[in-house]
PDB file of N, CA and C in Angstrom:
ATOM      1  N   MET A   1      41.040 100.357 -74.467  1.00  0.00           N
ATOM      2  CA  MET A   1      42.072 100.717 -73.511  1.00  0.00           C
ATOM      3  C   MET A   1      41.458 101.337 -72.250  1.00  0.00           C
ATOM      4  N   VAL A   2      40.496 102.236 -72.425  1.00  0.00           N
ATOM      5  CA  VAL A   2      39.845 102.890 -71.289  1.00  0.00           C
ATOM      6  C   VAL A   2      39.103 101.862 -70.440  1.00  0.00           C
ATOM      7  N   VAL A   3      38.458 100.900 -71.100  1.00  0.00           N
ATOM      8  CA  VAL A   3      37.721  99.858 -70.376  1.00  0.00           C
ATOM      9  C   VAL A   3      38.677  99.030 -69.533  1.00  0.00           C
ATOM     10  N   LEU A   4      39.820  98.682 -70.065  1.00  0.00           N
ATOM     11  CA  LEU A   4      40.818  97.910 -69.332  1.00  0.00           C
ATOM     12  C   LEU A   4      41.298  98.663 -68.100  1.00  0.00           C
ATOM     13  N   VAL A   5      41.556  99.939 -68.237  1.00  0.00           N
ATOM     14  CA  VAL A   5      41.982 100.761 -67.105  1.00  0.00           C
ATOM     15  C   VAL A   5      40.893 100.800 -66.040  1.00  0.00           C
ATOM     16  N   LEU A   6      39.646 100.956 -66.452  1.00  0.00           N
ATOM     17  CA  LEU A   6      38.539 100.978 -65.503  1.00  0.00           C
ATOM     18  C   LEU A   6      38.410  99.652 -64.766  1.00  0.00           C
ATOM     19  N   VAL A   7      38.556  98.554 -65.458  1.00  0.00           N
ATOM     20  CA  VAL A   7      38.469  97.235 -64.828  1.00  0.00           C
ATOM     21  C   VAL A   7      39.577  97.071 -63.787  1.00  0.00           C
ATOM     22  N   VAL A   8      40.787  97.463 -64.133  1.00  0.00           N
ATOM     23  CA  VAL A   8      41.912  97.365 -63.196  1.00  0.00           C
ATOM     24  C   VAL A   8      41.674  98.249 -61.975  1.00  0.00           C
ATOM     25  N   LEU A   9      41.208  99.459 -62.188  1.00  0.00           N
ATOM     26  CA  LEU A   9      40.925 100.360 -61.070  1.00  0.00           C
ATOM     27  C   LEU A   9      39.829  99.827 -60.168  1.00  0.00           C
ATOM     28  N   LEU A  10      38.769  99.316 -60.736  1.00  0.00           N
ATOM     29  CA  LEU A  10      37.679  98.760 -59.937  1.00  0.00           C
ATOM     30  C   LEU A  10      38.141  97.544 -59.154  1.00  0.00           C
ATOM     31  N   LYS A  11      38.946  96.709 -59.754  1.00  0.00           N
ATOM     32  CA  LYS A  11      39.458  95.522 -59.071  1.00  0.00           C
ATOM     33  C   LYS A  11      40.318  95.916 -57.882  1.00  0.00           C
ATOM     34  N   SER A  12      41.200  96.867 -58.061  1.00  0.00           N
ATOM     35  CA  SER A  12      42.073  97.278 -56.961  1.00  0.00           C
ATOM     36  C   SER A  12      41.288  98.021 -55.883  1.00  0.00           C
ATOM     37  N   TRP A  13      40.247  98.738 -56.264  1.00  0.00           N
ATOM     38  CA  TRP A  13      39.423  99.453 -55.289  1.00  0.00           C
ATOM     39  C   TRP A  13      38.627  98.493 -54.428  1.00  0.00           C
ATOM     40  N   SER A  14      38.163  97.369 -55.017  1.00  0.00           N
ATOM     41  CA  SER A  14      37.308  96.442 -54.273  1.00  0.00           C
ATOM     42  C   SER A  14      38.092  95.467 -53.426  1.00  0.00           C
ATOM     43  N   SER A  15      39.368  95.278 -53.680  1.00  0.00           N
ATOM     44  CA  SER A  15      40.121  94.326 -52.880  1.00  0.00           C
ATOM     45  C   SER A  15      40.549  94.971 -51.570  1.00  0.00           C
ATOM     46  N   CYS A  16      40.802  94.126 -50.575  1.00  0.00           N
ATOM     47  CA  CYS A  16      41.124  94.613 -49.245  1.00  0.00           C
ATOM     48  C   CYS A  16      42.427  93.986 -48.769  1.00  0.00           C
ATOM     49  N   ASP A  17      43.011  94.570 -47.757  1.00  0.00           N
ATOM     50  CA  ASP A  17      44.233  94.035 -47.162  1.00  0.00           C
ATOM     51  C   ASP A  17      43.928  93.279 -45.886  1.00  0.00           C
ATOM     52  N   GLY A  18      42.832  92.589 -45.828  1.00  0.00           N
ATOM     53  CA  GLY A  18      42.463  91.824 -44.647  1.00  0.00           C
ATOM     54  C   GLY A  18      40.991  91.970 -44.367  1.00  0.00           C
ATOM     55  N   CYS A  19      40.557  91.278 -43.359  1.00  0.00           N
ATOM     56  CA  CYS A  19      39.137  91.304 -43.033  1.00  0.00           C
ATOM     57  C   CYS A  19      38.749  92.640 -42.394  1.00  0.00           C
ATOM     58  N   LEU A  20      37.464  92.863 -42.326  1.00  0.00           N
ATOM     59  CA  LEU A  20      36.960  94.092 -41.704  1.00  0.00           C
ATOM     60  C   LEU A  20      37.232  94.083 -40.202  1.00  0.00           C
ATOM     61  N   ALA A  21      37.453  95.250 -39.657  1.00  0.00           N
ATOM     62  CA  ALA A  21      37.732  95.372 -38.227  1.00  0.00           C
ATOM     63  C   ALA A  21      36.587  94.818 -37.391  1.00  0.00           C
ATOM     64  N   LYS A  22      35.345  95.048 -37.824  1.00  0.00           N
ATOM     65  CA  LYS A  22      34.204  94.559 -37.029  1.00  0.00           C
ATOM     66  C   LYS A  22      34.137  93.036 -37.044  1.00  0.00           C
ATOM     67  N   GLU A  23      34.555  92.412 -38.146  1.00  0.00           N
ATOM     68  CA  GLU A  23      34.565  90.952 -38.205  1.00  0.00           C
ATOM     69  C   GLU A  23      35.707  90.396 -37.350  1.00  0.00           C
ATOM     70  N   ARG A  24      36.863  91.022 -37.415  1.00  0.00           N
ATOM     71  CA  ARG A  24      38.004  90.603 -36.593  1.00  0.00           C
ATOM     72  C   ARG A  24      37.654  90.713 -35.112  1.00  0.00           C
ATOM     73  N   SER A  25      37.040  91.807 -34.730  1.00  0.00           N
ATOM     74  CA  SER A  25      36.634  92.012 -33.339  1.00  0.00           C
ATOM     75  C   SER A  25      35.619  90.962 -32.899  1.00  0.00           C
ATOM     76  N   ALA A  26      34.679  90.631 -33.777  1.00  0.00           N
ATOM     77  CA  ALA A  26      33.665  89.625 -33.443  1.00  0.00           C
ATOM     78  C   ALA A  26      34.287  88.247 -33.230  1.00  0.00           C
ATOM     79  N   ILE A  27      35.290  87.909 -34.047  1.00  0.00           N
ATOM     80  CA  ILE A  27      35.964  86.625 -33.863  1.00  0.00           C
ATOM     81  C   ILE A  27      36.667  86.583 -32.515  1.00  0.00           C
ATOM     82  N   LEU A  28      37.323  87.673 -32.145  1.00  0.00           N
ATOM     83  CA  LEU A  28      38.003  87.714 -30.851  1.00  0.00           C
ATOM     84  C   LEU A  28      37.005  87.634 -29.697  1.00  0.00           C
ATOM     85  N   GLN A  29      35.810  88.230 -29.860  1.00  0.00           N
ATOM     86  CA  GLN A  29      34.773  88.095 -28.846  1.00  0.00           C
ATOM     87  C   GLN A  29      34.292  86.649 -28.753  1.00  0.00           C
ATOM     88  N   LEU A  30      34.152  86.005 -29.907  1.00  0.00           N
ATOM     89  CA  LEU A  30      33.759  84.597 -29.904  1.00  0.00           C
ATOM     90  C   LEU A  30      34.804  83.742 -29.203  1.00  0.00           C
ATOM     91  N   ARG A  31      36.055  84.042 -29.444  1.00  0.00           N
ATOM     92  CA  ARG A  31      37.122  83.274 -28.793  1.00  0.00           C
ATOM     93  C   ARG A  31      37.000  83.396 -27.276  1.00  0.00           C
ATOM     94  N   SER A  32      36.806  84.602 -26.772  1.00  0.00           N
ATOM     95  CA  SER A  32      36.696  84.774 -25.325  1.00  0.00           C
ATOM     96  C   SER A  32      35.409  84.146 -24.795  1.00  0.00           C
ATOM     97  N   TRP A  33      34.358  84.132 -25.625  1.00  0.00           N
ATOM     98  CA  TRP A  33      33.094  83.521 -25.204  1.00  0.00           C
ATOM     99  C   TRP A  33      33.255  82.016 -25.054  1.00  0.00           C
ATOM    100  N   PHE A  34      33.914  81.382 -26.015  1.00  0.00           N
ATOM    101  CA  PHE A  34      34.132  79.945 -25.939  1.00  0.00           C
ATOM    102  C   PHE A  34      35.137  79.581 -24.850  1.00  0.00           C
ATOM    103  N   MET A  35      36.047  80.492 -24.530  1.00  0.00           N
ATOM    104  CA  MET A  35      37.055  80.301 -23.487  1.00  0.00           C
ATOM    105  C   MET A  35      37.848  79.017 -23.687  1.00  0.00           C
ATOM    106  N   ASP A  36      38.174  78.683 -24.886  1.00  0.00           N
ATOM    107  CA  ASP A  36      38.868  77.441 -25.161  1.00  0.00           C
ATOM    108  C   ASP A  36      40.371  77.666 -25.154  1.00  0.00           C
ATOM    109  N   PRO A  37      41.082  76.968 -24.273  1.00  0.00           N
ATOM    110  CA  PRO A  37      42.542  77.118 -24.280  1.00  0.00           C
ATOM    111  C   PRO A  37      43.168  76.552 -25.556  1.00  0.00           C
ATOM    112  N   PHE A  38      42.410  75.796 -26.306  1.00  0.00           N
ATOM    113  CA  PHE A  38      42.916  75.214 -27.543  1.00  0.00           C
ATOM    114  C   PHE A  38      42.409  75.953 -28.773  1.00  0.00           C
ATOM    115  N   ALA A  39      41.875  77.155 -28.587  1.00  0.00           N
ATOM    116  CA  ALA A  39      41.447  77.971 -29.728  1.00  0.00           C
ATOM    117  C   ALA A  39      42.670  78.270 -30.585  1.00  0.00           C
ATOM    118  N   PRO A  40      42.465  78.493 -31.860  1.00  0.00           N
ATOM    119  CA  PRO A  40      43.603  78.709 -32.754  1.00  0.00           C
ATOM    120  C   PRO A  40      44.527  79.824 -32.277  1.00  0.00           C
ATOM    121  N   GLU A  41      45.824  79.552 -32.326  1.00  0.00           N
ATOM    122  CA  GLU A  41      46.819  80.538 -31.906  1.00  0.00           C
ATOM    123  C   GLU A  41      46.863  81.742 -32.836  1.00  0.00           C
ATOM    124  N   THR A  42      46.349  81.589 -34.048  1.00  0.00           N
ATOM    125  CA  THR A  42      46.362  82.705 -35.001  1.00  0.00           C
ATOM    126  C   THR A  42      45.339  83.773 -34.636  1.00  0.00           C
ATOM    127  N   TRP A  43      44.384  83.461 -33.778  1.00  0.00           N
ATOM    128  CA  TRP A  43      43.351  84.412 -33.392  1.00  0.00           C
ATOM    129  C   TRP A  43      43.895  85.325 -32.303  1.00  0.00           C
ATOM    130  N   VAL A  44      44.621  86.336 -32.688  1.00  0.00           N
ATOM    131  CA  VAL A  44      45.229  87.245 -31.718  1.00  0.00           C
ATOM    132  C   VAL A  44      44.936  88.691 -32.092  1.00  0.00           C
ATOM    133  N   GLU A  45      44.929  89.532 -31.105  1.00  0.00           N
ATOM    134  CA  GLU A  45      44.602  90.953 -31.271  1.00  0.00           C
ATOM    135  C   GLU A  45      45.518  91.666 -32.250  1.00  0.00           C
ATOM    136  N   GLY A  46      46.807  91.368 -32.259  1.00  0.00           N
ATOM    137  CA  GLY A  46      47.754  92.095 -33.084  1.00  0.00           C
ATOM    138  C   GLY A  46      47.735  91.747 -34.566  1.00  0.00           C
ATOM    139  N   SER A  47      47.079  90.666 -34.932  1.00  0.00           N
ATOM    140  CA  SER A  47      47.045  90.243 -36.329  1.00  0.00           C
ATOM    141  C   SER A  47      45.846  90.885 -37.020  1.00  0.00           C
ATOM    142  N   SER A  48      46.094  91.702 -38.039  1.00  0.00           N
ATOM    143  CA  SER A  48      45.009  92.461 -38.654  1.00  0.00           C
ATOM    144  C   SER A  48      44.247  91.686 -39.726  1.00  0.00           C
ATOM    145  N   ASP A  49      44.848  90.666 -40.303  1.00  0.00           N
ATOM    146  CA  ASP A  49      44.188  89.948 -41.387  1.00  0.00           C
ATOM    147  C   ASP A  49      43.625  88.627 -40.905  1.00  0.00           C
ATOM    148  N   CYS A  50      42.379  88.647 -40.459  1.00  0.00           N
ATOM    149  CA  CYS A  50      41.775  87.412 -39.966  1.00  0.00           C
ATOM    150  C   CYS A  50      41.429  86.455 -41.109  1.00  0.00           C
ATOM    151  N   CYS A  51      41.585  86.885 -42.344  1.00  0.00           N
ATOM    152  CA  CYS A  51      41.352  85.986 -43.480  1.00  0.00           C
ATOM    153  C   CYS A  51      42.394  84.877 -43.546  1.00  0.00           C
ATOM    154  N   ILE A  52      43.523  85.058 -42.890  1.00  0.00           N
ATOM    155  CA  ILE A  52      44.537  84.014 -42.882  1.00  0.00           C
ATOM    156  C   ILE A  52      44.497  83.191 -41.589  1.00  0.00           C
ATOM    157  N   TRP A  53      43.558  83.498 -40.707  1.00  0.00           N
ATOM    158  CA  TRP A  53      43.433  82.766 -39.456  1.00  0.00           C
ATOM    159  C   TRP A  53      42.867  81.373 -39.701  1.00  0.00           C
ATOM    160  N   GLU A  54      43.237  80.455 -38.825  1.00  0.00           N
ATOM    161  CA  GLU A  54      42.680  79.111 -38.880  1.00  0.00           C
ATOM    162  C   GLU A  54      41.176  79.174 -38.647  1.00  0.00           C
ATOM    163  N   MET A  55      40.443  78.277 -39.281  1.00  0.00           N
ATOM    164  CA  MET A  55      39.001  78.118 -39.106  1.00  0.00           C
ATOM    165  C   MET A  55      38.187  79.272 -39.691  1.00  0.00           C
ATOM    166  N   VAL A  56      38.841  80.141 -40.466  1.00  0.00           N
ATOM    167  CA  VAL A  56      38.189  81.296 -41.079  1.00  0.00           C
ATOM    168  C   VAL A  56      38.439  81.249 -42.582  1.00  0.00           C
ATOM    169  N   GLU A  57      37.392  81.488 -43.343  1.00  0.00           N
ATOM    170  CA  GLU A  57      37.550  81.578 -44.791  1.00  0.00           C
ATOM    171  C   GLU A  57      36.885  82.859 -45.266  1.00  0.00           C
ATOM    172  N   CYS A  58      37.575  83.581 -46.142  1.00  0.00           N
ATOM    173  CA  CYS A  58      37.066  84.848 -46.658  1.00  0.00           C
ATOM    174  C   CYS A  58      36.825  84.779 -48.163  1.00  0.00           C
ATOM    175  N   ASN A  59      35.972  85.657 -48.632  1.00  0.00           N
ATOM    176  CA  ASN A  59      35.775  85.837 -50.061  1.00  0.00           C
ATOM    177  C   ASN A  59      37.056  86.451 -50.620  1.00  0.00           C
ATOM    178  N   ASN A  60      37.591  85.875 -51.686  1.00  0.00           N
ATOM    179  CA  ASN A  60      38.855  86.349 -52.251  1.00  0.00           C
ATOM    180  C   ASN A  60      38.777  87.771 -52.810  1.00  0.00           C
ATOM    181  N   ASN A  61      37.612  88.208 -53.229  1.00  0.00           N
ATOM    182  CA  ASN A  61      37.469  89.546 -53.805  1.00  0.00           C
ATOM    183  C   ASN A  61      37.164  90.622 -52.772  1.00  0.00           C
ATOM    184  N   THR A  62      36.325  90.301 -51.805  1.00  0.00           N
ATOM    185  CA  THR A  62      35.878  91.314 -50.850  1.00  0.00           C
ATOM    186  C   THR A  62      36.587  91.245 -49.508  1.00  0.00           C
ATOM    187  N   ALA A  63      37.249  90.118 -49.219  1.00  0.00           N
ATOM    188  CA  ALA A  63      37.889  89.862 -47.932  1.00  0.00           C
ATOM    189  C   ALA A  63      36.878  89.817 -46.790  1.00  0.00           C
ATOM    190  N   ARG A  64      35.617  89.625 -47.104  1.00  0.00           N
ATOM    191  CA  ARG A  64      34.582  89.444 -46.080  1.00  0.00           C
ATOM    192  C   ARG A  64      34.550  87.974 -45.672  1.00  0.00           C
ATOM    193  N   ILE A  65      34.321  87.716 -44.407  1.00  0.00           N
ATOM    194  CA  ILE A  65      34.285  86.342 -43.916  1.00  0.00           C
ATOM    195  C   ILE A  65      33.035  85.649 -44.444  1.00  0.00           C
ATOM    196  N   ILE A  66      33.245  84.482 -45.053  1.00  0.00           N
ATOM    197  CA  ILE A  66      32.125  83.715 -45.596  1.00  0.00           C
ATOM    198  C   ILE A  66      31.962  82.366 -44.899  1.00  0.00           C
ATOM    199  N   LYS A  67      32.980  81.944 -44.137  1.00  0.00           N
ATOM    200  CA  LYS A  67      32.896  80.638 -43.473  1.00  0.00           C
ATOM    201  C   LYS A  67      33.648  80.678 -42.147  1.00  0.00           C
ATOM    202  N   LEU A  68      32.977  80.175 -41.096  1.00  0.00           N
ATOM    203  CA  LEU A  68      33.600  80.017 -39.788  1.00  0.00           C
ATOM    204  C   LEU A  68      33.401  78.578 -39.338  1.00  0.00           C
ATOM    205  N   SER A  69      34.481  77.934 -38.980  1.00  0.00           N
ATOM    206  CA  SER A  69      34.418  76.561 -38.474  1.00  0.00           C
ATOM    207  C   SER A  69      34.741  76.606 -36.988  1.00  0.00           C
ATOM    208  N   LEU A  70      33.714  76.704 -36.174  1.00  0.00           N
ATOM    209  CA  LEU A  70      33.886  76.858 -34.731  1.00  0.00           C
ATOM    210  C   LEU A  70      33.492  75.587 -33.984  1.00  0.00           C
ATOM    211  N   ASN A  71      33.658  74.455 -34.647  1.00  0.00           N
ATOM    212  CA  ASN A  71      33.276  73.202 -34.014  1.00  0.00           C
ATOM    213  C   ASN A  71      34.287  72.812 -32.926  1.00  0.00           C
ATOM    214  N   ILE A  72      33.781  72.144 -31.930  1.00  0.00           N
ATOM    215  CA  ILE A  72      34.561  71.633 -30.796  1.00  0.00           C
ATOM    216  C   ILE A  72      35.381  72.738 -30.130  1.00  0.00           C
ATOM    217  N   MET A  73      34.728  73.847 -29.788  1.00  0.00           N
ATOM    218  CA  MET A  73      35.404  74.950 -29.086  1.00  0.00           C
ATOM    219  C   MET A  73      34.729  75.252 -27.749  1.00  0.00           C
ATOM    220  N   THR A  74      34.066  74.266 -27.172  1.00  0.00           N
ATOM    221  CA  THR A  74      33.312  74.479 -25.946  1.00  0.00           C
ATOM    222  C   THR A  74      34.194  74.943 -24.802  1.00  0.00           C
ATOM    223  N   GLY A  75      35.384  74.415 -24.709  1.00  0.00           N
ATOM    224  CA  GLY A  75      36.305  74.834 -23.664  1.00  0.00           C
ATOM    225  C   GLY A  75      35.758  74.610 -22.277  1.00  0.00           C
ATOM    226  N   LEU A  76      35.785  75.651 -21.461  1.00  0.00           N
ATOM    227  CA  LEU A  76      35.400  75.544 -20.055  1.00  0.00           C
ATOM    228  C   LEU A  76      33.910  75.747 -19.818  1.00  0.00           C
ATOM    229  N   ARG A  77      33.132  75.900 -20.861  1.00  0.00           N
ATOM    230  CA  ARG A  77      31.700  76.164 -20.712  1.00  0.00           C
ATOM    231  C   ARG A  77      30.954  74.975 -20.098  1.00  0.00           C
ATOM    232  N   GLY A  78      31.448  73.782 -20.321  1.00  0.00           N
ATOM    233  CA  GLY A  78      30.753  72.611 -19.796  1.00  0.00           C
ATOM    234  C   GLY A  78      29.651  72.175 -20.724  1.00  0.00           C
ATOM    235  N   SER A  79      28.627  71.609 -20.165  1.00  0.00           N
ATOM    236  CA  SER A  79      27.576  71.040 -21.008  1.00  0.00           C
ATOM    237  C   SER A  79      26.366  71.962 -21.116  1.00  0.00           C
ATOM    238  N   ASN A  80      25.709  71.878 -22.240  1.00  0.00           N
ATOM    239  CA  ASN A  80      24.445  72.560 -22.506  1.00  0.00           C
ATOM    240  C   ASN A  80      24.446  74.040 -22.103  1.00  0.00           C
ATOM    241  N   TRP A  81      24.836  74.885 -23.025  1.00  0.00           N
ATOM    242  CA  TRP A  81      24.873  76.313 -22.772  1.00  0.00           C
ATOM    243  C   TRP A  81      24.307  77.068 -23.963  1.00  0.00           C
ATOM    244  N   TYR A  82      24.113  78.379 -23.778  1.00  0.00           N
ATOM    245  CA  TYR A  82      23.507  79.237 -24.792  1.00  0.00           C
ATOM    246  C   TYR A  82      24.560  80.189 -25.369  1.00  0.00           C
ATOM    247  N   LEU A  83      24.657  80.228 -26.683  1.00  0.00           N
ATOM    248  CA  LEU A  83      25.585  81.132 -27.372  1.00  0.00           C
ATOM    249  C   LEU A  83      24.936  82.507 -27.501  1.00  0.00           C
ATOM    250  N   ASN A  84      25.709  83.551 -27.260  1.00  0.00           N
ATOM    251  CA  ASN A  84      25.218  84.911 -27.445  1.00  0.00           C
ATOM    252  C   ASN A  84      25.132  85.177 -28.948  1.00  0.00           C
ATOM    253  N   PHE A  85      23.929  85.142 -29.474  1.00  0.00           N
ATOM    254  CA  PHE A  85      23.665  85.250 -30.904  1.00  0.00           C
ATOM    255  C   PHE A  85      24.157  86.574 -31.493  1.00  0.00           C
ATOM    256  N   SER A  86      24.213  87.628 -30.694  1.00  0.00           N
ATOM    257  CA  SER A  86      24.603  88.942 -31.212  1.00  0.00           C
ATOM    258  C   SER A  86      26.043  88.969 -31.722  1.00  0.00           C
ATOM    259  N   TYR A  87      26.892  88.041 -31.273  1.00  0.00           N
ATOM    260  CA  TYR A  87      28.269  87.988 -31.784  1.00  0.00           C
ATOM    261  C   TYR A  87      28.309  87.678 -33.274  1.00  0.00           C
ATOM    262  N   LEU A  88      27.277  87.076 -33.797  1.00  0.00           N
ATOM    263  CA  LEU A  88      27.264  86.666 -35.199  1.00  0.00           C
ATOM    264  C   LEU A  88      26.783  87.760 -36.143  1.00  0.00           C
ATOM    265  N   PHE A  89      26.248  88.849 -35.615  1.00  0.00           N
ATOM    266  CA  PHE A  89      25.707  89.927 -36.457  1.00  0.00           C
ATOM    267  C   PHE A  89      26.774  90.653 -37.269  1.00  0.00           C
ATOM    268  N   ALA A  90      28.026  90.571 -36.880  1.00  0.00           N
ATOM    269  CA  ALA A  90      29.102  91.268 -37.592  1.00  0.00           C
ATOM    270  C   ALA A  90      29.408  90.638 -38.947  1.00  0.00           C
ATOM    271  N   PHE A  91      28.987  89.395 -39.147  1.00  0.00           N
ATOM    272  CA  PHE A  91      29.344  88.650 -40.347  1.00  0.00           C
ATOM    273  C   PHE A  91      28.225  88.737 -41.382  1.00  0.00           C
ATOM    274  N   ASP A  92      28.208  89.836 -42.124  1.00  0.00           N
ATOM    275  CA  ASP A  92      27.140  90.094 -43.093  1.00  0.00           C
ATOM    276  C   ASP A  92      27.135  89.120 -44.265  1.00  0.00           C
ATOM    277  N   ASP A  93      28.295  88.609 -44.653  1.00  0.00           N
ATOM    278  CA  ASP A  93      28.395  87.738 -45.823  1.00  0.00           C
ATOM    279  C   ASP A  93      28.589  86.272 -45.461  1.00  0.00           C
ATOM    280  N   LEU A  94      28.405  85.928 -44.204  1.00  0.00           N
ATOM    281  CA  LEU A  94      28.632  84.557 -43.748  1.00  0.00           C
ATOM    282  C   LEU A  94      27.697  83.584 -44.459  1.00  0.00           C
ATOM    283  N   GLU A  95      28.280  82.562 -45.070  1.00  0.00           N
ATOM    284  CA  GLU A  95      27.529  81.546 -45.798  1.00  0.00           C
ATOM    285  C   GLU A  95      27.521  80.215 -45.067  1.00  0.00           C
ATOM    286  N   SER A  96      28.544  79.966 -44.244  1.00  0.00           N
ATOM    287  CA  SER A  96      28.677  78.679 -43.568  1.00  0.00           C
ATOM    288  C   SER A  96      29.192  78.893 -42.152  1.00  0.00           C
ATOM    289  N   LEU A  97      28.508  78.298 -41.183  1.00  0.00           N
ATOM    290  CA  LEU A  97      28.894  78.398 -39.778  1.00  0.00           C
ATOM    291  C   LEU A  97      28.803  77.017 -39.161  1.00  0.00           C
ATOM    292  N   ASP A  98      29.922  76.490 -38.702  1.00  0.00           N
ATOM    293  CA  ASP A  98      29.957  75.173 -38.069  1.00  0.00           C
ATOM    294  C   ASP A  98      30.114  75.356 -36.566  1.00  0.00           C
ATOM    295  N   LEU A  99      29.075  75.035 -35.828  1.00  0.00           N
ATOM    296  CA  LEU A  99      29.087  75.117 -34.368  1.00  0.00           C
ATOM    297  C   LEU A  99      28.963  73.732 -33.737  1.00  0.00           C
ATOM    298  N   GLY A 100      29.194  72.700 -34.530  1.00  0.00           N
ATOM    299  CA  GLY A 100      29.002  71.329 -34.076  1.00  0.00           C
ATOM    300  C   GLY A 100      29.864  70.957 -32.877  1.00  0.00           C
ATOM    301  N   SER A 101      29.354  70.027 -32.090  1.00  0.00           N
ATOM    302  CA  SER A 101      30.055  69.455 -30.931  1.00  0.00           C
ATOM    303  C   SER A 101      30.435  70.491 -29.892  1.00  0.00           C
ATOM    304  N   ASN A 102      29.582  71.490 -29.684  1.00  0.00           N
ATOM    305  CA  ASN A 102      29.821  72.525 -28.678  1.00  0.00           C
ATOM    306  C   ASN A 102      28.799  72.497 -27.545  1.00  0.00           C
ATOM    307  N   SER A 103      27.878  71.569 -27.558  1.00  0.00           N
ATOM    308  CA  SER A 103      26.832  71.454 -26.528  1.00  0.00           C
ATOM    309  C   SER A 103      25.976  72.707 -26.420  1.00  0.00           C
ATOM    310  N   ILE A 104      25.806  73.417 -27.538  1.00  0.00           N
ATOM    311  CA  ILE A 104      24.954  74.603 -27.561  1.00  0.00           C
ATOM    312  C   ILE A 104      23.498  74.141 -27.662  1.00  0.00           C
ATOM    313  N   VAL A 105      22.668  74.594 -26.741  1.00  0.00           N
ATOM    314  CA  VAL A 105      21.260  74.195 -26.751  1.00  0.00           C
ATOM    315  C   VAL A 105      20.351  75.314 -27.240  1.00  0.00           C
ATOM    316  N   GLY A 106      20.910  76.503 -27.454  1.00  0.00           N
ATOM    317  CA  GLY A 106      20.107  77.616 -27.940  1.00  0.00           C
ATOM    318  C   GLY A 106      20.945  78.870 -28.025  1.00  0.00           C
ATOM    319  N   PHE A 107      20.260  79.980 -28.274  1.00  0.00           N
ATOM    320  CA  PHE A 107      20.931  81.252 -28.450  1.00  0.00           C
ATOM    321  C   PHE A 107      20.318  82.282 -27.525  1.00  0.00           C
ATOM    322  N   GLU A 108      21.147  83.209 -27.062  1.00  0.00           N
ATOM    323  CA  GLU A 108      20.675  84.369 -26.311  1.00  0.00           C
ATOM    324  C   GLU A 108      21.104  85.614 -27.062  1.00  0.00           C
ATOM    325  N   GLY A 109      20.557  86.737 -26.730  1.00  0.00           N
ATOM    326  CA  GLY A 109      20.940  87.974 -27.389  1.00  0.00           C
ATOM    327  C   GLY A 109      19.780  88.542 -28.174  1.00  0.00           C
ATOM    328  N   LYS A 110      20.099  89.508 -29.060  1.00  0.00           N
ATOM    329  CA  LYS A 110      19.067  90.166 -29.852  1.00  0.00           C
ATOM    330  C   LYS A 110      18.387  89.192 -30.776  1.00  0.00           C
ATOM    331  N   GLN A 111      17.118  89.407 -30.979  1.00  0.00           N
ATOM    332  CA  GLN A 111      16.348  88.602 -31.923  1.00  0.00           C
ATOM    333  C   GLN A 111      16.322  89.288 -33.269  1.00  0.00           C
ATOM    334  N   LEU A 112      16.267  88.513 -34.328  1.00  0.00           N
ATOM    335  CA  LEU A 112      16.195  89.073 -35.668  1.00  0.00           C
ATOM    336  C   LEU A 112      14.831  89.662 -35.942  1.00  0.00           C
TER     337      LEU A 112
END
């Protein structure tokens, strides 16, 4: 009985009500960086749970972002540009990042 109570408590303690604020902020910075008028409408400042946003996938247990599909979001950048790499540092658990069809030729920002 005690073990069951501990498992339930640990499960409720580890779950979250949305993504981390730093990850949500980073996504909004990415949106402004891409400057795409066709960026997902769900990516808005007032929405606290970016786990339900389009093109975002989170771990069901931790609510940390594990996948970002940012393909074809070049917008007004034009051809051949550099992505500010530091925007990606907020995503500690990121496993998959799709930047395809954005004409990115390299990265700028802090080096690892």
